C-alpha atoms as a PDB file:
ATOM      1  CA  MET A   1    -139.570-117.189  99.506  1.00  0.00           C
ATOM      2  CA  ILE A   2    -142.172-114.394  98.391  1.00  0.00           C
ATOM      3  CA  ASN A   3    -145.431-115.385  97.129  1.00  0.00           C
ATOM      4  CA  THR A   4    -146.039-113.380  93.908  1.00  0.00           C
ATOM      5  CA  ASN A   5    -149.652-114.467  93.838  1.00  0.00           C
ATOM      6  CA  GLN A   6    -150.393-112.759  97.048  1.00  0.00           C
ATOM      7  CA  ILE A   7    -152.196-109.243  96.752  1.00  0.00           C
ATOM      8  CA  SER A   8    -150.951-106.725  99.249  1.00  0.00           C
ATOM      9  CA  PRO A   9    -153.439-104.783 101.436  1.00  0.00           C
ATOM     10  CA  LEU A  10    -152.567-101.652  99.976  1.00  0.00           C
ATOM     11  CA  LYS A  11    -153.310-102.710  96.377  1.00  0.00           C
ATOM     12  CA  THR A  12    -156.651-104.086  97.512  1.00  0.00           C
ATOM     13  CA  LEU A  13    -157.649-100.732  98.964  1.00  0.00           C
ATOM     14  CA  LYS A  14    -156.429 -98.946  95.712  1.00  0.00           C
ATOM     15  CA  VAL A  15    -158.633-101.324  93.805  1.00  0.00           C
ATOM     16  CA  ALA A  16    -161.656-100.740  95.975  1.00  0.00           C
ATOM     17  CA  LEU A  17    -161.043 -97.202  96.029  1.00  0.00           C
ATOM     18  CA  PHE A  18    -160.958 -97.130  92.106  1.00  0.00           C
ATOM     19  CA  ALA A  19    -164.011 -99.147  91.881  1.00  0.00           C
ATOM     20  CA  LEU A  20    -165.851 -96.726  94.325  1.00  0.00           C
ATOM     21  CA  GLY A  21    -164.730 -93.816  92.260  1.00  0.00           C
ATOM     22  CA  VAL A  22    -166.031 -95.500  89.108  1.00  0.00           C
ATOM     23  CA  VAL A  23    -169.335 -96.116  90.874  1.00  0.00           C
ATOM     24  CA  PHE A  24    -169.537 -92.425  92.175  1.00  0.00           C
ATOM     25  CA  PHE A  25    -168.779 -91.130  88.668  1.00  0.00           C
ATOM     26  CA  ILE A  26    -171.476 -93.205  87.252  1.00  0.00           C
ATOM     27  CA  LEU A  27    -173.913 -92.126  89.762  1.00  0.00           C
ATOM     28  CA  VAL A  28    -173.056 -88.474  89.325  1.00  0.00           C
ATOM     29  CA  ILE A  29    -173.562 -89.012  85.467  1.00  0.00           C
ATOM     30  CA  ILE A  30    -176.922 -90.757  86.103  1.00  0.00           C
ATOM     31  CA  ASP A  31    -177.977 -87.815  88.390  1.00  0.00           C
ATOM     32  CA  SER A  32    -176.984 -85.184  85.916  1.00  0.00           C
ATOM     33  CA  ILE A  33    -178.751 -86.898  83.123  1.00  0.00           C
ATOM     34  CA  GLN A  34    -181.833 -87.125  85.496  1.00  0.00           C
ATOM     35  CA  HIS A  35    -181.531 -83.439  86.485  1.00  0.00           C
ATOM     36  CA  ILE A  36    -181.381 -82.431  82.671  1.00  0.00           C
ATOM     37  CA  GLN A  37    -184.294 -84.716  81.873  1.00  0.00           C
ATOM     38  CA  SER A  38    -186.351 -83.236  84.766  1.00  0.00           C
ATOM     39  CA  GLU A  39    -185.630 -79.856  83.757  1.00  0.00           C
ATOM     40  CA  VAL A  40    -186.742 -80.597  80.267  1.00  0.00           C
ATOM     41  CA  TYR A  41    -190.025 -82.053  81.370  1.00  0.00           C
ATOM     42  CA  HIS A  42    -190.448 -79.197  83.751  1.00  0.00           C
ATOM     43  CA  ARG A  43    -190.062 -76.540  81.136  1.00  0.00           C
ATOM     44  CA  ASN A  44    -192.296 -78.390  78.691  1.00  0.00           C
ATOM     45  CA  GLY A  45    -194.952 -78.563  81.499  1.00  0.00           C
ATOM     46  CA  PHE A  46    -194.470 -74.800  82.343  1.00  0.00           C
ATOM     47  CA  ILE A  47    -195.022 -73.785  78.640  1.00  0.00           C
ATOM     48  CA  LYS A  48    -198.223 -75.989  78.296  1.00  0.00           C
ATOM     49  CA  LEU A  49    -199.673 -74.684  81.821  1.00  0.00           C
ATOM     50  CA  GLU A  50    -198.870 -71.108  80.584  1.00  0.00           C
ATOM     51  CA  ARG A  51    -200.846 -71.778  77.314  1.00  0.00           C
ATOM     52  CA  LYS A  52    -203.897 -73.084  79.613  1.00  0.00           C
ATOM     53  CA  TYR A  53    -203.183 -76.704  78.875  1.00  0.00           C
ATOM     54  CA  PRO A  54    -202.876 -78.148  82.239  1.00  0.00           C
ATOM     55  CA  LYS A  55    -203.983 -81.664  81.624  1.00  0.00           C
ATOM     56  CA  MET A  56    -201.223 -81.969  79.005  1.00  0.00           C
ATOM     57  CA  ALA A  57    -198.861 -80.174  81.637  1.00  0.00           C
ATOM     58  CA  ASN A  58    -199.677 -82.820  84.206  1.00  0.00           C
ATOM     59  CA  LYS A  59    -197.748 -85.724  82.308  1.00  0.00           C
ATOM     60  CA  ASP A  60    -194.670 -83.539  82.042  1.00  0.00           C
ATOM     61  CA  PHE A  61    -194.739 -82.366  85.771  1.00  0.00           C
ATOM     62  CA  GLU A  62    -195.143 -86.014  86.918  1.00  0.00           C
ATOM     63  CA  LYS A  63    -192.358 -87.134  84.817  1.00  0.00           C
ATOM     64  CA  ALA A  64    -190.140 -84.503  86.317  1.00  0.00           C
ATOM     65  CA  THR A  65    -191.235 -85.392  89.842  1.00  0.00           C
ATOM     66  CA  MET A  66    -190.744 -89.180  89.351  1.00  0.00           C
ATOM     67  CA  LEU A  67    -187.147 -88.558  88.083  1.00  0.00           C
ATOM     68  CA  MET A  68    -186.233 -86.266  90.988  1.00  0.00           C
ATOM     69  CA  PRO A  69    -188.895 -87.066  93.771  1.00  0.00           C
ATOM     70  CA  TRP A  70    -186.755 -85.241  96.333  1.00  0.00           C
ATOM     71  CA  GLU A  71    -186.970 -81.795  94.542  1.00  0.00           C
ATOM     72  CA  ASN A  72    -190.168 -80.361  96.048  1.00  0.00           C
ATOM     73  CA  HIS A  73    -190.178 -77.657  93.245  1.00  0.00           C
ATOM     74  CA  TYR A  74    -191.190 -80.256  90.627  1.00  0.00           C
ATOM     75  CA  ARG A  75    -193.929 -81.761  92.885  1.00  0.00           C
ATOM     76  CA  LEU A  76    -195.363 -78.320  93.681  1.00  0.00           C
ATOM     77  CA  GLN A  77    -195.733 -77.371  90.053  1.00  0.00           C
ATOM     78  CA  TRP A  78    -197.446 -80.736  89.416  1.00  0.00           C
ATOM     79  CA  ALA A  79    -199.969 -79.940  92.365  1.00  0.00           C
ATOM     80  CA  LYS A  80    -200.514 -76.472  90.906  1.00  0.00           C
ATOM     81  CA  SER A  81    -201.126 -78.055  87.386  1.00  0.00           C
ATOM     82  CA  LEU A  82    -203.794 -80.631  88.933  1.00  0.00           C
ATOM     83  CA  GLU A  83    -205.485 -77.635  90.563  1.00  0.00           C
ATOM     84  CA  ALA A  84    -205.707 -75.841  87.369  1.00  0.00           C
ATOM     85  CA  SER A  85    -206.855 -79.021  85.647  1.00  0.00           C
ATOM     86  CA  ALA A  86    -209.688 -79.313  88.187  1.00  0.00           C
ATOM     87  CA  LYS A  87    -210.874 -75.798  87.612  1.00  0.00           C
ATOM     88  CA  LYS A  88    -210.676 -76.129  83.854  1.00  0.00           C
ATOM     89  CA  VAL A  89    -213.112 -79.272  83.920  1.00  0.00           C
ATOM     90  CA  ASN A  90    -215.248 -77.674  86.726  1.00  0.00           C
ATOM     91  CA  SER A  91    -218.278 -78.470  84.631  1.00  0.00           C
ATOM     92  CA  ASN A  92    -217.761 -82.271  85.050  1.00  0.00           C
ATOM     93  CA  PRO A  93    -217.683 -82.810  88.806  1.00  0.00           C
ATOM     94  CA  ALA A  94    -216.444 -86.291  88.692  1.00  0.00           C
ATOM     95  CA  GLN A  95    -213.351 -85.350  86.709  1.00  0.00           C
ATOM     96  CA  SER A  96    -212.731 -82.237  88.692  1.00  0.00           C
ATOM     97  CA  ASN A  97    -212.916 -84.142  92.013  1.00  0.00           C
ATOM     98  CA  THR A  98    -210.443 -86.613  90.592  1.00  0.00           C
ATOM     99  CA  TYR A  99    -207.784 -83.835  89.897  1.00  0.00           C
ATOM    100  CA  THR A 100    -208.506 -82.180  93.129  1.00  0.00           C
ATOM    101  CA  ALA A 101    -207.917 -85.431  95.025  1.00  0.00           C
ATOM    102  CA  ALA A 102    -204.543 -85.789  93.045  1.00  0.00           C
ATOM    103  CA  ALA A 103    -203.624 -82.270  94.015  1.00  0.00           C
ATOM    104  CA  ILE A 104    -204.382 -82.850  97.680  1.00  0.00           C
ATOM    105  CA  LYS A 105    -202.209 -86.084  97.594  1.00  0.00           C
ATOM    106  CA  GLN A 106    -199.260 -84.198  96.220  1.00  0.00           C
ATOM    107  CA  TYR A 107    -199.783 -81.370  98.798  1.00  0.00           C
ATOM    108  CA  ASP A 108    -199.779 -83.925 101.641  1.00  0.00           C
ATOM    109  CA  ILE A 109    -196.388 -85.437 100.392  1.00  0.00           C
ATOM    110  CA  LEU A 110    -194.984 -81.882 100.266  1.00  0.00           C
ATOM    111  CA  ILE A 111    -196.217 -81.067 103.744  1.00  0.00           C
ATOM    112  CA  LYS A 112    -194.734 -84.247 105.124  1.00  0.00           C
ATOM    113  CA  SER A 113    -191.382 -83.737 103.332  1.00  0.00           C
ATOM    114  CA  ASP A 114    -191.289 -80.093 104.327  1.00  0.00           C
ATOM    115  CA  PRO A 115    -193.368 -79.615 107.566  1.00  0.00           C
ATOM    116  CA  ILE A 116    -191.913 -76.061 108.334  1.00  0.00           C
ATOM    117  CA  ASN A 117    -192.804 -74.676 104.743  1.00  0.00           C
ATOM    118  CA  PRO A 118    -195.896 -72.607 105.366  1.00  0.00           C
ATOM    119  CA  TRP A 119    -196.669 -72.152 101.739  1.00  0.00           C
ATOM    120  CA  PHE A 120    -197.772 -75.798 101.249  1.00  0.00           C
ATOM    121  CA  LYS A 121    -200.083 -75.661 104.114  1.00  0.00           C
ATOM    122  CA  ALA A 122    -201.581 -72.366 102.910  1.00  0.00           C
ATOM    123  CA  ARG A 123    -202.189 -73.594  99.274  1.00  0.00           C
ATOM    124  CA  LEU A 124    -203.744 -76.969 100.665  1.00  0.00           C
ATOM    125  CA  GLY A 125    -205.892 -74.832 102.892  1.00  0.00           C
ATOM    126  CA  LEU A 126    -207.303 -72.989  99.885  1.00  0.00           C
ATOM    127  CA  ILE A 127    -208.244 -76.123  98.065  1.00  0.00           C
ATOM    128  CA  TYR A 128    -210.420 -77.283 101.216  1.00  0.00           C
ATOM    129  CA  HIS A 129    -211.928 -73.862 101.350  1.00  0.00           C
ATOM    130  CA  GLU A 130    -213.062 -74.192  97.730  1.00  0.00           C
ATOM    131  CA  LEU A 131    -214.329 -77.560  98.423  1.00  0.00           C
ATOM    132  CA  TYR A 132    -216.291 -76.085 101.399  1.00  0.00           C
ATOM    133  CA  LYS A 133    -217.664 -73.356  99.194  1.00  0.00           C
ATOM    134  CA  GLU A 134    -218.989 -76.037  96.675  1.00  0.00           C
ATOM    135  CA  ASN A 135    -220.109 -78.344  99.554  1.00  0.00           C
ATOM    136  CA  PRO A 136    -221.378 -76.176 102.416  1.00  0.00           C
ATOM    137  CA  ASP A 137    -222.875 -79.125 104.218  1.00  0.00           C
ATOM    138  CA  ARG A 138    -219.447 -80.871 104.496  1.00  0.00           C
ATOM    139  CA  THR A 139    -218.102 -78.757 107.359  1.00  0.00           C
ATOM    140  CA  HIS A 140    -215.014 -80.848 107.784  1.00  0.00           C
ATOM    141  CA  PHE A 141    -213.671 -79.185 104.542  1.00  0.00           C
ATOM    142  CA  LYS A 142    -214.128 -75.702 106.372  1.00  0.00           C
ATOM    143  CA  GLU A 143    -212.277 -77.102 109.526  1.00  0.00           C
ATOM    144  CA  LEU A 144    -209.385 -78.397 107.394  1.00  0.00           C
ATOM    145  CA  ALA A 145    -209.238 -75.141 105.558  1.00  0.00           C
ATOM    146  CA  GLN A 146    -209.082 -73.070 108.702  1.00  0.00           C
ATOM    147  CA  ALA A 147    -206.672 -75.426 110.572  1.00  0.00           C
ATOM    148  CA  LEU A 148    -204.199 -75.454 107.610  1.00  0.00           C
ATOM    149  CA  ALA A 149    -204.332 -71.646 107.376  1.00  0.00           C
ATOM    150  CA  LYS A 150    -203.747 -71.356 111.078  1.00  0.00           C
ATOM    151  CA  ALA A 151    -200.777 -73.872 110.771  1.00  0.00           C
ATOM    152  CA  ALA A 152    -199.177 -71.725 108.050  1.00  0.00           C
ATOM    153  CA  THR A 153    -199.566 -68.683 110.258  1.00  0.00           C
ATOM    154  CA  ASP A 154    -197.986 -70.482 113.213  1.00  0.00           C
ATOM    155  CA  THR A 155    -195.096 -71.845 111.110  1.00  0.00           C
ATOM    156  CA  ASP A 156    -194.114 -68.371 110.138  1.00  0.00           C
ATOM    157  CA  LYS A 157    -195.581 -66.122 113.075  1.00  0.00           C
ATOM    158  CA  GLN A 158    -194.430 -62.671 111.840  1.00  0.00           C
ATOM    159  CA  ASN A 159    -195.007 -63.100 108.127  1.00  0.00           C
ATOM    160  CA  PRO A 160    -197.763 -60.488 107.335  1.00  0.00           C
ATOM    161  CA  LEU A 161    -199.043 -62.589 104.197  1.00  0.00           C
ATOM    162  CA  PHE A 162    -200.017 -65.505 106.375  1.00  0.00           C
ATOM    163  CA  THR A 163    -201.525 -63.419 109.191  1.00  0.00           C
ATOM    164  CA  MET A 164    -203.695 -61.758 106.508  1.00  0.00           C
ATOM    165  CA  HIS A 165    -204.318 -65.057 104.976  1.00  0.00           C
ATOM    166  CA  TYR A 166    -205.684 -66.462 108.139  1.00  0.00           C
ATOM    167  CA  GLY A 167    -207.579 -63.085 108.756  1.00  0.00           C
ATOM    168  CA  HIS A 168    -209.212 -63.667 105.406  1.00  0.00           C
ATOM    169  CA  PHE A 169    -210.379 -67.198 106.322  1.00  0.00           C
ATOM    170  CA  LEU A 170    -211.903 -66.065 109.618  1.00  0.00           C
ATOM    171  CA  TYR A 171    -213.444 -63.141 107.903  1.00  0.00           C
ATOM    172  CA  THR A 172    -215.009 -65.416 105.251  1.00  0.00           C
ATOM    173  CA  TYR A 173    -216.281 -67.746 107.993  1.00  0.00           C
ATOM    174  CA  ASN A 174    -217.801 -64.716 110.034  1.00  0.00           C
ATOM    175  CA  ASN A 175    -215.435 -64.922 112.887  1.00  0.00           C
ATOM    176  CA  ILE A 176    -215.249 -61.130 113.091  1.00  0.00           C
ATOM    177  CA  ASP A 177    -213.273 -60.636 116.209  1.00  0.00           C
ATOM    178  CA  GLY A 178    -210.677 -63.071 115.085  1.00  0.00           C
ATOM    179  CA  ALA A 179    -210.357 -61.602 111.665  1.00  0.00           C
ATOM    180  CA  LYS A 180    -209.915 -58.230 113.221  1.00  0.00           C
ATOM    181  CA  HIS A 181    -207.175 -59.437 115.559  1.00  0.00           C
ATOM    182  CA  TYR A 182    -205.010 -61.063 112.675  1.00  0.00           C
ATOM    183  CA  TYR A 183    -205.673 -57.900 110.328  1.00  0.00           C
ATOM    184  CA  LEU A 184    -204.331 -55.766 113.153  1.00  0.00           C
ATOM    185  CA  LYS A 185    -201.348 -58.056 113.410  1.00  0.00           C
ATOM    186  CA  THR A 186    -200.791 -57.875 109.702  1.00  0.00           C
ATOM    187  CA  ILE A 187    -200.827 -54.113 109.583  1.00  0.00           C
ATOM    188  CA  GLU A 188    -198.324 -54.104 112.616  1.00  0.00           C
ATOM    189  CA  TYR A 189    -195.992 -56.196 110.452  1.00  0.00           C
ATOM    190  CA  ASP A 190    -196.500 -54.378 107.265  1.00  0.00           C
ATOM    191  CA  SER A 191    -198.740 -51.235 107.166  1.00  0.00           C
ATOM    192  CA  GLU A 192    -198.766 -51.130 103.230  1.00  0.00           C
ATOM    193  CA  LEU A 193    -200.861 -54.372 102.863  1.00  0.00           C
ATOM    194  CA  LEU A 194    -203.993 -52.722 101.449  1.00  0.00           C
ATOM    195  CA  GLU A 195    -206.280 -55.808 101.715  1.00  0.00           C
ATOM    196  CA  ALA A 196    -205.924 -55.783 105.467  1.00  0.00           C
ATOM    197  CA  HIS A 197    -206.696 -52.154 105.934  1.00  0.00           C
ATOM    198  CA  TYR A 198    -209.826 -52.545 103.528  1.00  0.00           C
ATOM    199  CA  ASN A 199    -211.251 -55.475 105.403  1.00  0.00           C
ATOM    200  CA  LEU A 200    -210.572 -53.794 108.668  1.00  0.00           C
ATOM    201  CA  ALA A 201    -212.490 -50.725 107.450  1.00  0.00           C
ATOM    202  CA  ALA A 202    -215.263 -53.111 106.489  1.00  0.00           C
ATOM    203  CA  ILE A 203    -215.476 -54.662 110.003  1.00  0.00           C
ATOM    204  CA  TYR A 204    -215.442 -51.271 111.737  1.00  0.00           C
ATOM    205  CA  LYS A 205    -218.367 -50.041 109.409  1.00  0.00           C
ATOM    206  CA  GLN A 206    -220.269 -53.232 110.348  1.00  0.00           C
ATOM    207  CA  GLU A 207    -219.619 -52.384 114.080  1.00  0.00           C
ATOM    208  CA  ASN A 208    -220.767 -48.623 113.351  1.00  0.00           C
ATOM    209  CA  ASN A 209    -217.184 -47.275 114.238  1.00  0.00           C
ATOM    210  CA  ASN A 210    -217.141 -44.962 111.281  1.00  0.00           C
ATOM    211  CA  ASP A 211    -214.055 -43.018 112.500  1.00  0.00           C
ATOM    212  CA  ALA A 212    -212.097 -46.174 112.616  1.00  0.00           C
ATOM    213  CA  ALA A 213    -213.134 -47.262 109.207  1.00  0.00           C
ATOM    214  CA  ILE A 214    -212.334 -43.740 107.673  1.00  0.00           C
ATOM    215  CA  GLU A 215    -208.889 -43.858 109.331  1.00  0.00           C
ATOM    216  CA  HIS A 216    -208.043 -47.086 107.492  1.00  0.00           C
ATOM    217  CA  TYR A 217    -209.636 -45.945 104.139  1.00  0.00           C
ATOM    218  CA  GLU A 218    -207.538 -42.769 104.371  1.00  0.00           C
ATOM    219  CA  MET A 219    -204.361 -45.125 104.858  1.00  0.00           C
ATOM    220  CA  ILE A 220    -205.159 -46.827 101.812  1.00  0.00           C
ATOM    221  CA  ASN A 221    -205.732 -43.447  99.774  1.00  0.00           C
ATOM    222  CA  ALA A 222    -202.329 -42.303 101.053  1.00  0.00           C
ATOM    223  CA  ASN A 223    -200.829 -45.526  99.450  1.00  0.00           C
ATOM    224  CA  LEU A 224    -202.784 -45.053  96.214  1.00  0.00           C
ATOM    225  CA  GLU A 225    -201.264 -41.578  95.748  1.00  0.00           C
ATOM    226  CA  ARG A 226    -197.607 -43.258  96.154  1.00  0.00           C
ATOM    227  CA  MET A 227    -198.589 -45.970  93.762  1.00  0.00           C
ATOM    228  CA  GLU A 228    -199.967 -43.549  91.241  1.00  0.00           C
ATOM    229  CA  ALA A 229    -196.807 -41.513  91.428  1.00  0.00           C
ATOM    230  CA  SER A 230    -194.877 -44.551  90.786  1.00  0.00           C
ATOM    231  CA  LEU A 231    -197.179 -45.625  87.918  1.00  0.00           C
ATOM    232  CA  LYS A 232    -196.719 -42.196  86.356  1.00  0.00           C
ATOM    233  CA  ARG A 233    -192.820 -42.629  86.307  1.00  0.00           C
ATOM    234  CA  ASN A 234    -193.130 -46.098  85.007  1.00  0.00           C
ATOM    235  CA  PRO A 235    -196.606 -46.722  83.146  1.00  0.00           C
ATOM    236  CA  SER A 236    -195.612 -50.354  82.063  1.00  0.00           C
ATOM    237  CA  GLN A 237    -196.357 -51.615  85.698  1.00  0.00           C
ATOM    238  CA  LEU A 238    -199.635 -53.433  84.912  1.00  0.00           C
ATOM    239  CA  GLU A 239    -199.905 -55.127  88.325  1.00  0.00           C
ATOM    240  CA  LEU A 240    -199.803 -51.780  89.920  1.00  0.00           C
ATOM    241  CA  ARG A 241    -202.232 -50.419  87.693  1.00  0.00           C
ATOM    242  CA  ASP A 242    -204.725 -53.147  88.632  1.00  0.00           C
ATOM    243  CA  LYS A 243    -204.049 -52.802  92.289  1.00  0.00           C
ATOM    244  CA  ILE A 244    -204.770 -49.089  92.139  1.00  0.00           C
ATOM    245  CA  ASP A 245    -208.081 -49.867  90.223  1.00  0.00           C
ATOM    246  CA  ARG A 246    -209.101 -52.481  92.973  1.00  0.00           C
ATOM    247  CA  PHE A 247    -208.938 -50.016  95.833  1.00  0.00           C
ATOM    248  CA  GLN A 248    -210.708 -46.929  94.338  1.00  0.00           C
ATOM    249  CA  ASN A 249    -213.693 -47.654  96.606  1.00  0.00           C
ATOM    250  CA  ALA A 250    -211.727 -46.262  99.495  1.00  0.00           C
ATOM    251  CA  ARG A 251    -211.724 -42.959  97.847  1.00  0.00           C
ATOM    252  CA  ILE A 252    -215.431 -43.239  97.329  1.00  0.00           C
ATOM    253  CA  GLU A 253    -215.931 -44.078 101.056  1.00  0.00           C
ATOM    254  CA  VAL A 254    -213.811 -41.084 102.216  1.00  0.00           C
ATOM    255  CA  ALA A 255    -215.487 -38.628  99.654  1.00  0.00           C
ATOM    256  CA  THR A 256    -218.953 -39.765 100.749  1.00  0.00           C
ATOM    257  CA  HIS A 257    -217.989 -39.389 104.388  1.00  0.00           C
ATOM    258  CA  LEU A 258    -216.738 -35.746 103.782  1.00  0.00           C
ATOM    259  CA  LEU A 259    -219.981 -35.046 101.827  1.00  0.00           C
ATOM    260  CA  HIS A 260    -221.969 -36.074 104.864  1.00  0.00           C
ATOM    261  CA  LEU A 261    -219.823 -33.774 107.053  1.00  0.00           C
ATOM    262  CA  ASN A 262    -220.769 -31.075 104.593  1.00  0.00           C
ATOM    263  CA  GLN A 263    -216.967 -30.674 103.348  1.00  0.00           C
ATOM    264  CA  PRO A 264    -217.624 -30.600  99.698  1.00  0.00           C
ATOM    265  CA  ASP A 265    -214.306 -28.946  98.709  1.00  0.00           C
ATOM    266  CA  SER A 266    -212.317 -31.768 100.440  1.00  0.00           C
ATOM    267  CA  ALA A 267    -214.568 -34.359  98.980  1.00  0.00           C
ATOM    268  CA  TYR A 268    -214.143 -33.059  95.438  1.00  0.00           C
ATOM    269  CA  ASP A 269    -210.334 -33.511  95.839  1.00  0.00           C
ATOM    270  CA  LEU A 270    -210.905 -37.164  96.059  1.00  0.00           C
ATOM    271  CA  ILE A 271    -213.873 -37.216  93.581  1.00  0.00           C
ATOM    272  CA  ALA A 272    -211.496 -35.881  90.884  1.00  0.00           C
ATOM    273  CA  LEU A 273    -209.012 -38.551  91.374  1.00  0.00           C
ATOM    274  CA  LEU A 274    -211.649 -41.405  90.638  1.00  0.00           C
ATOM    275  CA  PRO A 275    -211.933 -43.131  87.315  1.00  0.00           C
ATOM    276  CA  GLU A 276    -215.133 -42.671  85.228  1.00  0.00           C
ATOM    277  CA  SER A 277    -217.790 -44.563  86.924  1.00  0.00           C
ATOM    278  CA  VAL A 278    -221.548 -44.607  88.275  1.00  0.00           C
ATOM    279  CA  GLU A 279    -220.096 -43.978  91.767  1.00  0.00           C
ATOM    280  CA  LYS A 280    -218.017 -40.901  90.544  1.00  0.00           C
ATOM    281  CA  TYR A 281    -221.029 -39.234  88.960  1.00  0.00           C
ATOM    282  CA  GLU A 282    -223.456 -40.036  91.824  1.00  0.00           C
ATOM    283  CA  LEU A 283    -220.702 -38.311  94.281  1.00  0.00           C
ATOM    284  CA  MET A 284    -220.522 -35.404  91.715  1.00  0.00           C
ATOM    285  CA  ALA A 285    -224.257 -35.044  91.858  1.00  0.00           C
ATOM    286  CA  MET A 286    -224.149 -34.828  95.565  1.00  0.00           C
ATOM    287  CA  TYR A 287    -221.225 -32.220  95.341  1.00  0.00           C
ATOM    288  CA  TYR A 288    -223.219 -30.027  93.023  1.00  0.00           C
ATOM    289  CA  ALA A 289    -226.276 -30.226  95.456  1.00  0.00           C
ATOM    290  CA  GLN A 290    -224.010 -29.109  98.338  1.00  0.00           C
ATOM    291  CA  GLN A 291    -222.729 -26.281  96.133  1.00  0.00           C
ATOM    292  CA  SER A 292    -226.183 -25.175  95.329  1.00  0.00           C
ATOM    293  CA  GLN A 293    -225.800 -26.081  91.613  1.00  0.00           C
ATOM    294  CA  ILE A 294    -229.147 -27.697  91.507  1.00  0.00           C
ATOM    295  CA  SER A 295    -229.387 -27.840  87.753  1.00  0.00           C
ATOM    296  CA  ASN A 296    -226.104 -29.647  87.367  1.00  0.00           C
ATOM    297  CA  ALA A 297    -227.057 -32.070  90.204  1.00  0.00           C
ATOM    298  CA  ILE A 298    -230.443 -32.894  88.562  1.00  0.00           C
ATOM    299  CA  SER A 299    -228.828 -33.286  85.062  1.00  0.00           C
ATOM    300  CA  LEU A 300    -226.387 -35.768  86.385  1.00  0.00           C
ATOM    301  CA  TYR A 301    -229.044 -37.765  88.223  1.00  0.00           C
ATOM    302  CA  ARG A 302    -230.927 -37.979  85.015  1.00  0.00           C
ATOM    303  CA  GLN A 303    -227.747 -39.345  83.201  1.00  0.00           C
ATOM    304  CA  LEU A 304    -227.457 -41.965  85.855  1.00  0.00           C
ATOM    305  CA  ILE A 305    -230.972 -42.971  85.649  1.00  0.00           C
ATOM    306  CA  ALA A 306    -230.710 -43.263  81.844  1.00  0.00           C
ATOM    307  CA  SER A 307    -227.604 -45.336  82.153  1.00  0.00           C
ATOM    308  CA  ILE A 308    -229.032 -47.721  84.852  1.00  0.00           C
ATOM    309  CA  GLU A 309    -232.214 -48.068  82.932  1.00  0.00           C
ATOM    310  CA  ARG A 310    -230.088 -49.296  79.961  1.00  0.00           C
ATOM    311  CA  ASP A 311    -228.059 -51.559  82.242  1.00  0.00           C
ATOM    312  CA  LEU A 312    -231.599 -53.138  83.694  1.00  0.00           C
ATOM    313  CA  GLN A 313    -232.963 -53.713  80.290  1.00  0.00           C
ATOM    314  CA  GLU A 314    -229.725 -55.703  79.397  1.00  0.00           C
ATOM    315  CA  THR A 315    -230.163 -57.637  82.548  1.00  0.00           C
ATOM    316  CA  LEU A 316    -233.654 -58.524  82.000  1.00  0.00           C
ATOM    317  CA  GLU A 317    -233.030 -59.577  78.331  1.00  0.00           C
ATOM    318  CA  ARG A 318    -230.386 -62.161  79.318  1.00  0.00           C
ATOM    319  CA  PRO A 319    -231.450 -65.767  79.157  1.00  0.00           C
ATOM    320  CA  THR A 320    -230.561 -66.281  82.850  1.00  0.00           C
ATOM    321  CA  LYS A 321    -232.041 -62.990  84.593  1.00  0.00           C
ATOM    322  CA  ASN A 322    -230.285 -61.859  87.688  1.00  0.00           C
ATOM    323  CA  GLN A 323    -233.360 -60.995  89.612  1.00  0.00           C
ATOM    324  CA  GLN A 324    -231.232 -59.716  92.608  1.00  0.00           C
ATOM    325  CA  ARG A 325    -229.128 -57.399  90.277  1.00  0.00           C
ATOM    326  CA  ALA A 326    -232.339 -56.140  88.677  1.00  0.00           C
ATOM    327  CA  ALA A 327    -233.788 -55.404  92.203  1.00  0.00           C
ATOM    328  CA  MET A 328    -230.692 -53.441  93.110  1.00  0.00           C
ATOM    329  CA  LEU A 329    -230.647 -51.442  89.836  1.00  0.00           C
ATOM    330  CA  ASN A 330    -234.426 -50.487  90.410  1.00  0.00           C
ATOM    331  CA  GLN A 331    -233.583 -49.352  93.940  1.00  0.00           C
ATOM    332  CA  LYS A 332    -230.949 -47.003  92.554  1.00  0.00           C
ATOM    333  CA  ILE A 333    -233.321 -45.604  90.087  1.00  0.00           C
ATOM    334  CA  LYS A 334    -235.807 -44.888  92.749  1.00  0.00           C
ATOM    335  CA  ARG A 335    -233.208 -43.251  94.870  1.00  0.00           C
ATOM    336  CA  TYR A 336    -232.104 -40.892  92.131  1.00  0.00           C
ATOM    337  CA  GLU A 337    -235.622 -39.941  91.402  1.00  0.00           C
ATOM    338  CA  GLU A 338    -236.348 -39.156  94.918  1.00  0.00           C
ATOM    339  CA  ASN A 339    -233.068 -37.013  95.090  1.00  0.00           C
ATOM    340  CA  ILE A 340    -234.440 -35.193  92.048  1.00  0.00           C
ATOM    341  CA  LYS A 341    -237.656 -34.595  93.863  1.00  0.00           C
ATOM    342  CA  GLN A 342    -235.939 -33.269  96.939  1.00  0.00           C
ATOM    343  CA  LEU A 343    -233.744 -30.904  94.953  1.00  0.00           C
ATOM    344  CA  ARG A 344    -236.860 -29.279  93.353  1.00  0.00           C
ATOM    345  CA  LEU A 345    -238.365 -28.507  96.524  1.00  0.00           C
END
C-alpha cells in the first residue's frame, strides 16, 4: 500500500531549488538596491566635492563605501575627499592630521585589497611626501614616500607616468643620479612627456653639460610647436593652453643660449614666440645690443628697471615682506643698470 504522506526525493529537490531561487532573487534585489543607493551617495559626494565642500562629501562617500565595500572606486573617492578635507583645514593642524590619517587608512585598505594597483601606492606616497615637507625632521615619512613611489614603478615597470613620478621623488630628495636614470627611462617609454625633458635639462645644467641641456629644451620646443598648432585648430583646449604656458621657459633657455653663441637671428625666432613677460623684454634687449641697435636696447632696459622698481615697491609695502624676493629684484635692477653702462661705453 502506497504511503501518500511520503514526500518523494524529486519533490524535495524541487522545493529546495525553488527556495534557493527565491533567496537568490531576494539577494539580487538587495544588491541592486545597494548599488543604486551607493551610486546616489557617490553622485551626491562628487557634486559636493566639485563645489569645494569635501567635509560634506566625506559622509556621502563613506555611505557609498559601506554599502559596497568591495567596490574600490567608492573607497578611492572617499580617500581623495579626505585628502581634500585635510588641505582645506590646513590652518588647523590637529584637524588636518585627523583627515590625513583617515585618508591613509583608506589607501592602506585599497592597497591590501588590490596590491597590484600602482595608483593607490602612488597617491599614498604623495601623502607621505607632503607630511615630510611639513615635518622635515620625521624622515620616516620621506622613506615611506620613496618606498611607495618605487613600489608603484615596480608594479608597472614600463609605464612612463610612474617612472617619471619616481624620478620626481628622487630629484626632490636630491638623488640626482637616480632621478636622471628614471627620467631617461621615462623618455625611452614616452618621448613626449615634457616634465621629464625639463627636469633632465635642469640636471644637465647643474652638471655644466649645457649641450645636453639644450638638446632636451629643444625637444620641448618642438613639442610646443605641435601643441600650438593643435591649439590653433581647437582654441577651446584649456589644459593644452596651460601646458604650453608652463614650458615657455624652454624657449627662454634656448634663445639665451643662441644669443651667447652670437646667433641673434635664430634667437629672435624663439623670442617672437614668447608671451609678454620680463624675460621676453630682457632677451629683446640682448638681441638689440647684438644687432648694434643700442638706443632700443637701452630703452628696453629702462622699461624693465621701471617695471621691477614698481614690483619691488609693492613687495616692500606688503604686511609680510618677502626679503628674498626683494633682494632678487634689487639684483635685477643692478644688472640692468650695469648693462646700460656697458652699452654706453
